[in-house]
């Protein structure tokens, strides 16, 4: 048997390109900068924020923020710093390629919750993503006790495709996690 017959077809995933700057009515979403480390550390050292994230430890230090920035600044994924136009980092929206699928993630400093800012930021990023990748499904998810995040995803058109236990570094425990998917044709702009 020929070895070429045994090879798996290679999956070619298009690249997003550099992280753009996206402006909304109230926000400027821009690529992260090394100078964002202090604001990231301050936001993610808040248990109310980190307990809803799977890959963020608690406590969270400036060194953790610098390590994360060093990791993401050189990638082809999109990691947007959320600002209110003044350059001050208040949160993050990311679209990254994991295991051959595009994933959406986001978080916001707790003092900005309840103002619709994350809905505005996520909607703008999804709009830009689907203009760049019009035929591409996007995956996300949230811990089952994160009603706010699940509401945002539902408003955008995400549907629940699974539930499993996922380890949360901040909680240092497994927690129920809902996996979601957004097809381009299901995207709804709020």
N, C-alpha and C. Protein backbone atom coordinates (compact mmCIF):
# COMPACT_ATOMS: atom_id res chain seq x y z
N UNK A 1 0.84 -1.18 0.00
CA UNK A 1 0.00 0.00 0.00
C UNK A 1 0.89 1.24 0.00
N UNK A 2 0.49 2.19 -0.74
CA UNK A 2 1.23 3.44 -0.87
C UNK A 2 0.99 4.32 0.36
N UNK A 3 2.06 4.91 0.89
CA UNK A 3 1.94 5.76 2.08
C UNK A 3 1.07 6.98 1.81
N UNK A 4 1.02 7.43 0.58
CA UNK A 4 0.21 8.61 0.26
C UNK A 4 -1.27 8.33 0.48
N UNK A 5 -1.68 7.09 0.33
CA UNK A 5 -3.08 6.72 0.53
C UNK A 5 -3.45 6.85 2.01
N UNK A 6 -2.51 6.62 2.90
CA UNK A 6 -2.77 6.65 4.33
C UNK A 6 -2.76 8.06 4.92
N UNK A 7 -2.30 9.02 4.18
CA UNK A 7 -2.26 10.38 4.71
C UNK A 7 -3.66 10.96 4.84
N UNK A 8 -3.86 11.66 5.93
CA UNK A 8 -5.12 12.36 6.12
C UNK A 8 -5.09 13.65 5.31
N UNK A 9 -6.24 14.04 4.78
CA UNK A 9 -6.26 15.33 4.08
C UNK A 9 -5.97 16.45 5.07
N UNK A 10 -5.18 17.39 4.64
CA UNK A 10 -4.84 18.52 5.52
C UNK A 10 -5.96 19.55 5.49
N UNK A 11 -6.33 19.98 6.67
CA UNK A 11 -7.35 21.01 6.80
C UNK A 11 -6.68 22.37 6.66
N UNK A 12 -7.11 23.12 5.69
CA UNK A 12 -6.56 24.45 5.49
C UNK A 12 -7.56 25.45 6.06
N UNK A 13 -7.15 26.12 7.12
CA UNK A 13 -8.01 27.10 7.77
C UNK A 13 -7.52 28.49 7.39
N UNK A 14 -8.40 29.31 6.81
CA UNK A 14 -7.96 30.66 6.45
C UNK A 14 -7.58 31.47 7.69
N UNK A 15 -6.64 32.37 7.51
CA UNK A 15 -6.20 33.21 8.62
C UNK A 15 -7.04 34.48 8.68
N UNK A 16 -7.18 35.00 9.88
CA UNK A 16 -7.95 36.22 10.07
C UNK A 16 -7.21 37.46 9.59
N UNK A 17 -5.91 37.42 9.67
CA UNK A 17 -5.13 38.63 9.39
C UNK A 17 -4.93 39.41 10.67
N UNK A 18 -4.27 40.55 10.59
CA UNK A 18 -3.98 41.33 11.80
C UNK A 18 -5.26 41.79 12.49
N UNK A 19 -5.19 41.92 13.78
CA UNK A 19 -6.32 42.40 14.58
C UNK A 19 -6.60 43.86 14.20
N UNK A 20 -7.81 44.13 13.69
CA UNK A 20 -8.11 45.50 13.26
C UNK A 20 -8.54 46.38 14.44
N UNK A 21 -8.75 47.63 14.17
CA UNK A 21 -9.39 48.55 15.12
C UNK A 21 -10.85 48.66 14.70
N UNK A 22 -11.75 48.45 15.66
CA UNK A 22 -13.19 48.50 15.39
C UNK A 22 -13.80 49.55 16.31
N UNK A 23 -14.54 50.46 15.73
CA UNK A 23 -15.20 51.50 16.53
C UNK A 23 -16.71 51.28 16.52
N UNK A 24 -17.32 51.45 17.69
CA UNK A 24 -18.77 51.38 17.83
C UNK A 24 -19.24 52.74 18.36
N UNK A 25 -20.51 52.81 18.68
CA UNK A 25 -21.05 54.07 19.19
C UNK A 25 -20.34 54.53 20.45
N UNK A 26 -20.02 53.58 21.36
CA UNK A 26 -19.41 53.96 22.64
C UNK A 26 -18.00 53.43 22.85
N UNK A 27 -17.53 52.55 21.98
CA UNK A 27 -16.29 51.83 22.25
C UNK A 27 -15.30 51.93 21.11
N UNK A 28 -14.05 51.75 21.46
CA UNK A 28 -12.99 51.51 20.48
C UNK A 28 -12.35 50.18 20.88
N UNK A 29 -12.39 49.23 19.95
CA UNK A 29 -11.78 47.92 20.14
C UNK A 29 -10.49 47.93 19.35
N UNK A 30 -9.39 47.69 20.03
CA UNK A 30 -8.08 47.81 19.39
C UNK A 30 -7.22 46.61 19.77
N UNK A 31 -6.13 46.38 19.03
CA UNK A 31 -5.21 45.32 19.44
C UNK A 31 -4.62 45.63 20.82
N UNK A 32 -4.30 44.59 21.55
CA UNK A 32 -3.67 44.79 22.86
C UNK A 32 -2.27 45.38 22.72
N UNK A 33 -1.82 46.01 23.79
CA UNK A 33 -0.49 46.60 23.87
C UNK A 33 0.14 46.15 25.18
N UNK A 34 1.46 46.14 25.23
CA UNK A 34 2.16 45.77 26.46
C UNK A 34 1.74 46.65 27.63
N UNK A 35 1.39 47.90 27.36
CA UNK A 35 0.98 48.83 28.42
C UNK A 35 -0.36 48.47 29.06
N UNK A 36 -1.08 47.49 28.50
CA UNK A 36 -2.36 47.07 29.06
C UNK A 36 -2.21 46.15 30.27
N UNK A 37 -1.01 45.72 30.59
CA UNK A 37 -0.80 44.70 31.62
C UNK A 37 -1.41 45.08 32.96
N UNK A 38 -1.22 46.31 33.42
CA UNK A 38 -1.75 46.70 34.73
C UNK A 38 -3.27 46.64 34.76
N UNK A 39 -3.92 47.14 33.73
CA UNK A 39 -5.39 47.14 33.69
C UNK A 39 -5.93 45.71 33.60
N UNK A 40 -5.26 44.86 32.82
CA UNK A 40 -5.68 43.46 32.73
C UNK A 40 -5.55 42.79 34.08
N UNK A 41 -4.42 42.99 34.74
CA UNK A 41 -4.20 42.38 36.06
C UNK A 41 -5.24 42.87 37.06
N UNK A 42 -5.56 44.13 37.04
CA UNK A 42 -6.56 44.67 37.96
C UNK A 42 -7.93 44.03 37.70
N UNK A 43 -8.33 43.93 36.44
CA UNK A 43 -9.63 43.35 36.09
C UNK A 43 -9.70 41.87 36.45
N UNK A 44 -8.64 41.13 36.13
CA UNK A 44 -8.68 39.68 36.31
C UNK A 44 -8.26 39.24 37.71
N UNK A 45 -7.90 40.16 38.56
CA UNK A 45 -7.66 39.81 39.96
C UNK A 45 -8.96 39.90 40.76
N UNK A 46 -10.06 40.05 40.07
CA UNK A 46 -11.40 40.13 40.67
C UNK A 46 -12.07 38.76 40.54
N UNK A 47 -12.34 38.14 41.66
CA UNK A 47 -12.93 36.80 41.69
C UNK A 47 -14.24 36.74 40.90
N UNK A 48 -15.04 37.80 40.93
CA UNK A 48 -16.31 37.80 40.21
C UNK A 48 -16.10 37.66 38.70
N UNK A 49 -14.99 38.12 38.21
CA UNK A 49 -14.67 37.99 36.78
C UNK A 49 -14.02 36.64 36.50
N UNK A 50 -12.96 36.31 37.24
CA UNK A 50 -12.18 35.11 36.90
C UNK A 50 -12.93 33.81 37.14
N UNK A 51 -13.86 33.77 38.06
CA UNK A 51 -14.58 32.52 38.31
C UNK A 51 -15.42 32.09 37.11
N UNK A 52 -15.69 33.03 36.20
CA UNK A 52 -16.47 32.72 35.00
C UNK A 52 -15.59 32.34 33.81
N UNK A 53 -14.27 32.31 34.01
CA UNK A 53 -13.33 31.99 32.93
C UNK A 53 -12.63 30.68 33.24
N UNK A 54 -12.39 29.88 32.23
CA UNK A 54 -11.79 28.56 32.47
C UNK A 54 -10.27 28.60 32.59
N UNK A 55 -9.61 29.45 31.83
CA UNK A 55 -8.15 29.39 31.73
C UNK A 55 -7.42 30.49 32.48
N UNK A 56 -8.09 31.14 33.42
CA UNK A 56 -7.48 32.26 34.15
C UNK A 56 -7.33 31.88 35.62
N UNK A 57 -6.12 31.94 36.16
CA UNK A 57 -5.91 31.58 37.56
C UNK A 57 -6.36 32.69 38.51
N UNK A 58 -6.55 32.31 39.75
CA UNK A 58 -6.83 33.29 40.82
C UNK A 58 -5.93 32.94 41.99
N UNK A 59 -5.24 33.90 42.54
CA UNK A 59 -5.19 35.31 42.14
C UNK A 59 -4.47 35.49 40.81
N UNK A 60 -4.64 36.67 40.23
CA UNK A 60 -4.07 37.00 38.93
C UNK A 60 -3.15 38.20 39.11
N UNK A 61 -1.92 38.08 38.64
CA UNK A 61 -0.92 39.13 38.89
C UNK A 61 -0.56 39.87 37.60
N UNK A 62 0.21 40.93 37.76
CA UNK A 62 0.73 41.67 36.61
C UNK A 62 1.62 40.76 35.76
N UNK A 63 2.37 39.89 36.40
CA UNK A 63 3.20 38.93 35.67
C UNK A 63 2.37 37.99 34.82
N UNK A 64 1.21 37.56 35.34
CA UNK A 64 0.30 36.73 34.55
C UNK A 64 -0.18 37.49 33.32
N UNK A 65 -0.51 38.76 33.52
CA UNK A 65 -0.97 39.60 32.40
C UNK A 65 0.13 39.76 31.36
N UNK A 66 1.36 40.00 31.82
CA UNK A 66 2.48 40.15 30.88
C UNK A 66 2.72 38.85 30.11
N UNK A 67 2.64 37.71 30.79
CA UNK A 67 2.81 36.42 30.11
C UNK A 67 1.74 36.23 29.04
N UNK A 68 0.49 36.56 29.38
CA UNK A 68 -0.60 36.40 28.42
C UNK A 68 -0.39 37.34 27.23
N UNK A 69 -0.03 38.58 27.50
CA UNK A 69 0.21 39.52 26.41
C UNK A 69 1.35 39.06 25.50
N UNK A 70 2.42 38.56 26.09
CA UNK A 70 3.54 38.04 25.28
C UNK A 70 3.09 36.90 24.39
N UNK A 71 2.16 36.09 24.89
CA UNK A 71 1.68 34.95 24.13
C UNK A 71 0.78 35.39 22.97
N UNK A 72 -0.11 36.36 23.20
CA UNK A 72 -1.10 36.70 22.17
C UNK A 72 -0.66 37.78 21.20
N UNK A 73 0.31 38.59 21.57
CA UNK A 73 0.68 39.70 20.70
C UNK A 73 1.27 39.24 19.37
N UNK A 74 1.83 38.05 19.31
CA UNK A 74 2.44 37.58 18.08
C UNK A 74 1.60 36.58 17.31
N UNK A 75 0.32 36.44 17.63
CA UNK A 75 -0.50 35.44 16.96
C UNK A 75 -1.31 36.07 15.83
N UNK A 76 -1.92 35.20 15.02
CA UNK A 76 -2.83 35.64 13.97
C UNK A 76 -4.27 35.65 14.44
N UNK A 77 -4.50 35.37 15.73
CA UNK A 77 -5.83 35.44 16.29
C UNK A 77 -6.16 36.91 16.58
N UNK A 78 -7.44 37.17 16.82
CA UNK A 78 -7.86 38.52 17.17
C UNK A 78 -8.07 38.60 18.67
N UNK A 79 -7.34 39.46 19.33
CA UNK A 79 -7.50 39.72 20.76
C UNK A 79 -7.69 41.23 20.91
N UNK A 80 -8.95 41.63 21.03
CA UNK A 80 -9.29 43.05 21.11
C UNK A 80 -9.27 43.54 22.55
N UNK A 81 -8.64 44.67 22.77
CA UNK A 81 -8.78 45.40 24.03
C UNK A 81 -10.01 46.27 23.89
N UNK A 82 -10.91 46.18 24.86
CA UNK A 82 -12.10 47.03 24.86
C UNK A 82 -11.75 48.32 25.60
N UNK A 83 -12.00 49.45 24.95
CA UNK A 83 -11.80 50.75 25.59
C UNK A 83 -13.02 51.62 25.30
N UNK A 84 -13.18 52.66 26.08
CA UNK A 84 -14.27 53.61 25.83
C UNK A 84 -13.77 54.79 25.00
N UNK A 85 -12.72 54.56 24.23
CA UNK A 85 -12.18 55.59 23.37
C UNK A 85 -11.05 56.39 24.01
N UNK A 86 -10.84 56.18 25.30
CA UNK A 86 -9.78 56.90 26.00
C UNK A 86 -8.50 56.09 26.11
N UNK A 87 -8.51 54.90 25.52
CA UNK A 87 -7.33 54.04 25.54
C UNK A 87 -7.22 53.15 26.76
N UNK A 88 -8.05 53.38 27.79
CA UNK A 88 -7.97 52.59 29.02
C UNK A 88 -8.65 51.24 28.81
N UNK A 89 -7.92 50.18 29.05
CA UNK A 89 -8.37 48.81 28.86
C UNK A 89 -9.41 48.44 29.92
N UNK A 90 -10.62 48.03 29.47
CA UNK A 90 -11.65 47.62 30.42
C UNK A 90 -12.13 46.19 30.19
N UNK A 91 -11.62 45.53 29.16
CA UNK A 91 -12.05 44.16 28.90
C UNK A 91 -11.42 43.64 27.62
N UNK A 92 -11.89 42.46 27.22
CA UNK A 92 -11.28 41.77 26.08
C UNK A 92 -12.33 40.98 25.32
N UNK A 93 -12.23 40.98 24.01
CA UNK A 93 -12.97 40.06 23.15
C UNK A 93 -11.93 39.39 22.26
N UNK A 94 -11.95 38.06 22.24
CA UNK A 94 -10.97 37.32 21.44
C UNK A 94 -11.67 36.36 20.50
N UNK A 95 -11.10 36.21 19.33
CA UNK A 95 -11.46 35.11 18.43
C UNK A 95 -10.16 34.41 18.11
N UNK A 96 -10.11 33.13 18.50
CA UNK A 96 -8.87 32.38 18.31
C UNK A 96 -9.16 31.01 17.75
N UNK A 97 -8.19 30.51 17.00
CA UNK A 97 -8.28 29.19 16.39
C UNK A 97 -7.80 28.16 17.40
N UNK A 98 -8.70 27.23 17.76
CA UNK A 98 -8.35 26.15 18.68
C UNK A 98 -8.83 24.83 18.08
N UNK A 99 -7.91 23.91 17.90
CA UNK A 99 -8.24 22.57 17.39
C UNK A 99 -9.02 22.64 16.07
N UNK A 100 -8.62 23.57 15.20
CA UNK A 100 -9.22 23.67 13.88
C UNK A 100 -10.55 24.40 13.83
N UNK A 101 -11.00 24.96 14.97
CA UNK A 101 -12.28 25.69 15.00
C UNK A 101 -12.06 27.07 15.61
N UNK A 102 -12.82 28.05 15.13
CA UNK A 102 -12.73 29.41 15.65
C UNK A 102 -13.59 29.53 16.90
N UNK A 103 -13.00 30.13 17.94
CA UNK A 103 -13.67 30.27 19.24
C UNK A 103 -13.72 31.73 19.67
N UNK A 104 -14.87 32.12 20.20
CA UNK A 104 -15.08 33.45 20.76
C UNK A 104 -14.96 33.39 22.28
N UNK A 105 -14.23 34.33 22.85
CA UNK A 105 -14.16 34.47 24.30
C UNK A 105 -14.18 35.95 24.65
N UNK A 106 -14.61 36.26 25.86
CA UNK A 106 -14.68 37.66 26.27
C UNK A 106 -14.80 37.78 27.77
N UNK A 107 -14.39 38.94 28.27
CA UNK A 107 -14.57 39.29 29.68
C UNK A 107 -14.54 40.81 29.81
N UNK A 108 -15.12 41.30 30.89
CA UNK A 108 -15.23 42.74 31.11
C UNK A 108 -14.99 43.03 32.59
N UNK A 109 -14.26 44.10 32.85
CA UNK A 109 -14.06 44.55 34.23
C UNK A 109 -15.44 44.71 34.89
N UNK A 110 -15.58 44.19 36.10
CA UNK A 110 -16.88 44.14 36.77
C UNK A 110 -17.54 45.51 36.92
N UNK A 111 -16.76 46.56 37.03
CA UNK A 111 -17.34 47.88 37.24
C UNK A 111 -18.02 48.43 35.99
N UNK A 112 -17.92 47.71 34.88
CA UNK A 112 -18.57 48.11 33.64
C UNK A 112 -19.74 47.19 33.27
N UNK A 113 -20.05 46.23 34.13
CA UNK A 113 -21.16 45.31 33.87
C UNK A 113 -22.49 46.07 33.89
N UNK A 114 -23.47 45.51 33.19
CA UNK A 114 -24.83 46.03 33.25
C UNK A 114 -25.09 47.26 32.39
N UNK A 115 -24.16 47.63 31.53
CA UNK A 115 -24.32 48.82 30.68
C UNK A 115 -24.48 48.47 29.20
N UNK A 116 -24.48 47.17 28.88
CA UNK A 116 -24.59 46.76 27.49
C UNK A 116 -23.30 46.87 26.70
N UNK A 117 -22.19 47.15 27.37
CA UNK A 117 -20.92 47.33 26.67
C UNK A 117 -20.43 46.04 26.03
N UNK A 118 -20.56 44.91 26.74
CA UNK A 118 -20.07 43.66 26.16
C UNK A 118 -20.93 43.24 24.98
N UNK A 119 -22.23 43.43 25.06
CA UNK A 119 -23.09 43.13 23.91
C UNK A 119 -22.66 43.95 22.70
N UNK A 120 -22.38 45.21 22.91
CA UNK A 120 -21.93 46.10 21.83
C UNK A 120 -20.58 45.65 21.26
N UNK A 121 -19.66 45.28 22.14
CA UNK A 121 -18.33 44.86 21.70
C UNK A 121 -18.40 43.54 20.94
N UNK A 122 -19.10 42.55 21.50
CA UNK A 122 -19.19 41.24 20.86
C UNK A 122 -19.88 41.36 19.50
N UNK A 123 -20.96 42.12 19.43
CA UNK A 123 -21.67 42.29 18.17
C UNK A 123 -20.76 42.88 17.10
N UNK A 124 -19.98 43.88 17.46
CA UNK A 124 -19.07 44.52 16.49
C UNK A 124 -17.99 43.55 16.02
N UNK A 125 -17.44 42.76 16.94
CA UNK A 125 -16.40 41.79 16.57
C UNK A 125 -16.98 40.69 15.69
N UNK A 126 -18.18 40.20 16.03
CA UNK A 126 -18.80 39.16 15.21
C UNK A 126 -19.11 39.69 13.81
N UNK A 127 -19.59 40.91 13.72
CA UNK A 127 -19.86 41.51 12.42
C UNK A 127 -18.59 41.54 11.57
N UNK A 128 -17.50 41.96 12.17
CA UNK A 128 -16.21 42.03 11.45
C UNK A 128 -15.74 40.63 11.08
N UNK A 129 -15.88 39.67 12.01
CA UNK A 129 -15.45 38.29 11.75
C UNK A 129 -16.21 37.70 10.56
N UNK A 130 -17.53 37.84 10.55
CA UNK A 130 -18.32 37.23 9.48
C UNK A 130 -18.15 37.96 8.15
N UNK A 131 -17.74 39.20 8.15
CA UNK A 131 -17.38 39.86 6.89
C UNK A 131 -16.07 39.29 6.36
N UNK A 132 -15.18 38.93 7.27
CA UNK A 132 -13.88 38.36 6.88
C UNK A 132 -13.99 36.88 6.54
N UNK A 133 -14.83 36.15 7.29
CA UNK A 133 -14.97 34.69 7.14
C UNK A 133 -16.45 34.34 7.00
N UNK A 134 -17.08 34.67 5.88
CA UNK A 134 -18.54 34.59 5.77
C UNK A 134 -19.13 33.18 5.85
N UNK A 135 -18.37 32.16 5.63
CA UNK A 135 -18.90 30.80 5.65
C UNK A 135 -18.45 30.00 6.88
N UNK A 136 -17.93 30.66 7.89
CA UNK A 136 -17.28 29.99 9.01
C UNK A 136 -18.14 29.98 10.25
N UNK A 137 -18.30 28.78 10.84
CA UNK A 137 -18.99 28.68 12.13
C UNK A 137 -18.06 29.15 13.23
N UNK A 138 -18.65 29.68 14.27
CA UNK A 138 -17.90 30.17 15.42
C UNK A 138 -18.43 29.48 16.67
N UNK A 139 -17.53 29.07 17.53
CA UNK A 139 -17.90 28.36 18.75
C UNK A 139 -17.59 29.22 19.97
N UNK A 140 -18.32 28.99 21.03
CA UNK A 140 -18.08 29.69 22.28
C UNK A 140 -18.63 28.82 23.40
N UNK A 141 -18.98 29.44 24.49
CA UNK A 141 -19.55 28.72 25.61
C UNK A 141 -19.47 29.57 26.85
N UNK A 142 -20.05 29.04 27.92
CA UNK A 142 -20.02 29.74 29.20
C UNK A 142 -20.34 28.74 30.29
N UNK A 143 -19.83 29.01 31.48
CA UNK A 143 -20.23 28.18 32.61
C UNK A 143 -21.72 28.36 32.82
N UNK A 144 -22.38 27.30 33.26
CA UNK A 144 -23.84 27.30 33.39
C UNK A 144 -24.34 28.38 34.34
N UNK A 145 -23.52 28.81 35.29
CA UNK A 145 -23.96 29.85 36.24
C UNK A 145 -23.63 31.26 35.76
N UNK A 146 -23.20 31.40 34.51
CA UNK A 146 -22.87 32.71 33.95
C UNK A 146 -24.02 33.18 33.05
N UNK A 147 -25.12 33.56 33.69
CA UNK A 147 -26.33 33.93 32.96
C UNK A 147 -26.10 35.12 32.03
N UNK A 148 -25.29 36.09 32.44
CA UNK A 148 -25.04 37.26 31.61
C UNK A 148 -24.38 36.91 30.29
N UNK A 149 -23.37 36.06 30.35
CA UNK A 149 -22.66 35.66 29.14
C UNK A 149 -23.57 34.84 28.22
N UNK A 150 -24.35 33.96 28.80
CA UNK A 150 -25.26 33.15 28.00
C UNK A 150 -26.33 34.03 27.33
N UNK A 151 -26.78 35.08 28.02
CA UNK A 151 -27.75 36.01 27.42
C UNK A 151 -27.15 36.72 26.21
N UNK A 152 -25.90 37.14 26.33
CA UNK A 152 -25.22 37.80 25.21
C UNK A 152 -25.18 36.86 24.01
N UNK A 153 -24.76 35.63 24.25
CA UNK A 153 -24.66 34.67 23.15
C UNK A 153 -26.02 34.38 22.53
N UNK A 154 -27.04 34.24 23.36
CA UNK A 154 -28.38 34.00 22.83
C UNK A 154 -28.85 35.17 21.96
N UNK A 155 -28.60 36.39 22.39
CA UNK A 155 -28.99 37.57 21.61
C UNK A 155 -28.29 37.61 20.26
N UNK A 156 -27.07 37.08 20.18
CA UNK A 156 -26.32 37.10 18.92
C UNK A 156 -26.73 35.97 17.98
N UNK A 157 -27.47 34.97 18.49
CA UNK A 157 -27.90 33.86 17.66
C UNK A 157 -27.20 32.55 17.93
N UNK A 158 -26.34 32.49 18.94
CA UNK A 158 -25.68 31.23 19.30
C UNK A 158 -26.73 30.22 19.76
N UNK A 159 -26.47 28.95 19.50
CA UNK A 159 -27.32 27.89 20.03
C UNK A 159 -26.46 26.94 20.85
N UNK A 160 -27.07 26.36 21.85
CA UNK A 160 -26.37 25.41 22.72
C UNK A 160 -26.22 24.09 21.98
N UNK A 161 -25.00 23.57 21.92
CA UNK A 161 -24.74 22.32 21.21
C UNK A 161 -24.21 21.23 22.14
N UNK A 162 -23.99 21.55 23.41
CA UNK A 162 -23.50 20.53 24.33
C UNK A 162 -23.31 21.08 25.73
N UNK A 163 -23.17 20.16 26.64
CA UNK A 163 -22.91 20.50 28.04
C UNK A 163 -21.92 19.49 28.58
N UNK A 164 -20.93 19.98 29.29
CA UNK A 164 -19.95 19.08 29.89
C UNK A 164 -19.36 19.79 31.11
N UNK A 165 -18.64 19.04 31.89
CA UNK A 165 -17.91 19.65 33.00
C UNK A 165 -16.56 20.12 32.46
N UNK A 166 -16.19 21.34 32.82
CA UNK A 166 -14.94 21.94 32.38
C UNK A 166 -14.20 22.45 33.60
N UNK A 167 -12.89 22.28 33.61
CA UNK A 167 -12.10 22.73 34.74
C UNK A 167 -11.94 24.25 34.70
N UNK A 168 -12.18 24.88 35.82
CA UNK A 168 -11.97 26.31 35.98
C UNK A 168 -10.76 26.50 36.88
N UNK A 169 -9.72 27.15 36.35
CA UNK A 169 -8.52 27.37 37.14
C UNK A 169 -8.81 28.23 38.37
N UNK A 170 -9.62 29.26 38.22
CA UNK A 170 -9.92 30.15 39.34
C UNK A 170 -10.69 29.43 40.43
N UNK A 171 -11.64 28.59 40.04
CA UNK A 171 -12.44 27.84 41.02
C UNK A 171 -11.68 26.63 41.55
N UNK A 172 -10.66 26.23 40.80
CA UNK A 172 -9.91 25.01 41.11
C UNK A 172 -10.85 23.82 41.22
N UNK A 173 -11.79 23.76 40.27
CA UNK A 173 -12.80 22.70 40.30
C UNK A 173 -13.43 22.57 38.92
N UNK A 174 -14.07 21.42 38.72
CA UNK A 174 -14.87 21.22 37.52
C UNK A 174 -16.20 21.95 37.73
N UNK A 175 -16.76 22.48 36.64
CA UNK A 175 -18.05 23.17 36.71
C UNK A 175 -18.81 22.90 35.41
N UNK A 176 -20.14 22.85 35.47
CA UNK A 176 -20.94 22.64 34.26
C UNK A 176 -20.72 23.78 33.27
N UNK A 177 -20.47 23.41 32.02
CA UNK A 177 -20.16 24.39 30.97
C UNK A 177 -21.02 24.08 29.75
N UNK A 178 -21.66 25.12 29.21
CA UNK A 178 -22.48 24.97 28.02
C UNK A 178 -21.67 25.38 26.80
N UNK A 179 -21.58 24.48 25.82
CA UNK A 179 -20.89 24.78 24.57
C UNK A 179 -21.91 25.35 23.59
N UNK A 180 -21.51 26.38 22.86
CA UNK A 180 -22.42 27.03 21.92
C UNK A 180 -21.77 27.17 20.55
N UNK A 181 -22.63 27.36 19.55
CA UNK A 181 -22.16 27.52 18.17
C UNK A 181 -23.00 28.60 17.49
N UNK A 182 -22.34 29.37 16.64
CA UNK A 182 -23.03 30.38 15.85
C UNK A 182 -22.72 30.14 14.38
N UNK A 183 -23.76 29.85 13.62
CA UNK A 183 -23.62 29.75 12.17
C UNK A 183 -23.76 31.15 11.59
N UNK A 184 -23.05 31.45 10.51
CA UNK A 184 -23.12 32.82 9.95
C UNK A 184 -24.55 33.28 9.67
N UNK A 185 -25.38 32.38 9.16
CA UNK A 185 -26.76 32.77 8.81
C UNK A 185 -27.63 33.01 10.04
N UNK A 186 -27.18 32.58 11.22
CA UNK A 186 -27.95 32.78 12.45
C UNK A 186 -27.54 34.03 13.22
N UNK A 187 -26.48 34.69 12.78
CA UNK A 187 -25.99 35.88 13.50
C UNK A 187 -27.04 36.98 13.48
N UNK A 188 -27.35 37.47 14.68
CA UNK A 188 -28.31 38.57 14.83
C UNK A 188 -27.60 39.75 15.48
N UNK A 189 -27.70 40.89 14.85
CA UNK A 189 -27.15 42.12 15.43
C UNK A 189 -28.20 42.72 16.35
N UNK A 190 -27.89 42.91 17.62
CA UNK A 190 -28.91 43.44 18.55
C UNK A 190 -29.26 44.90 18.26
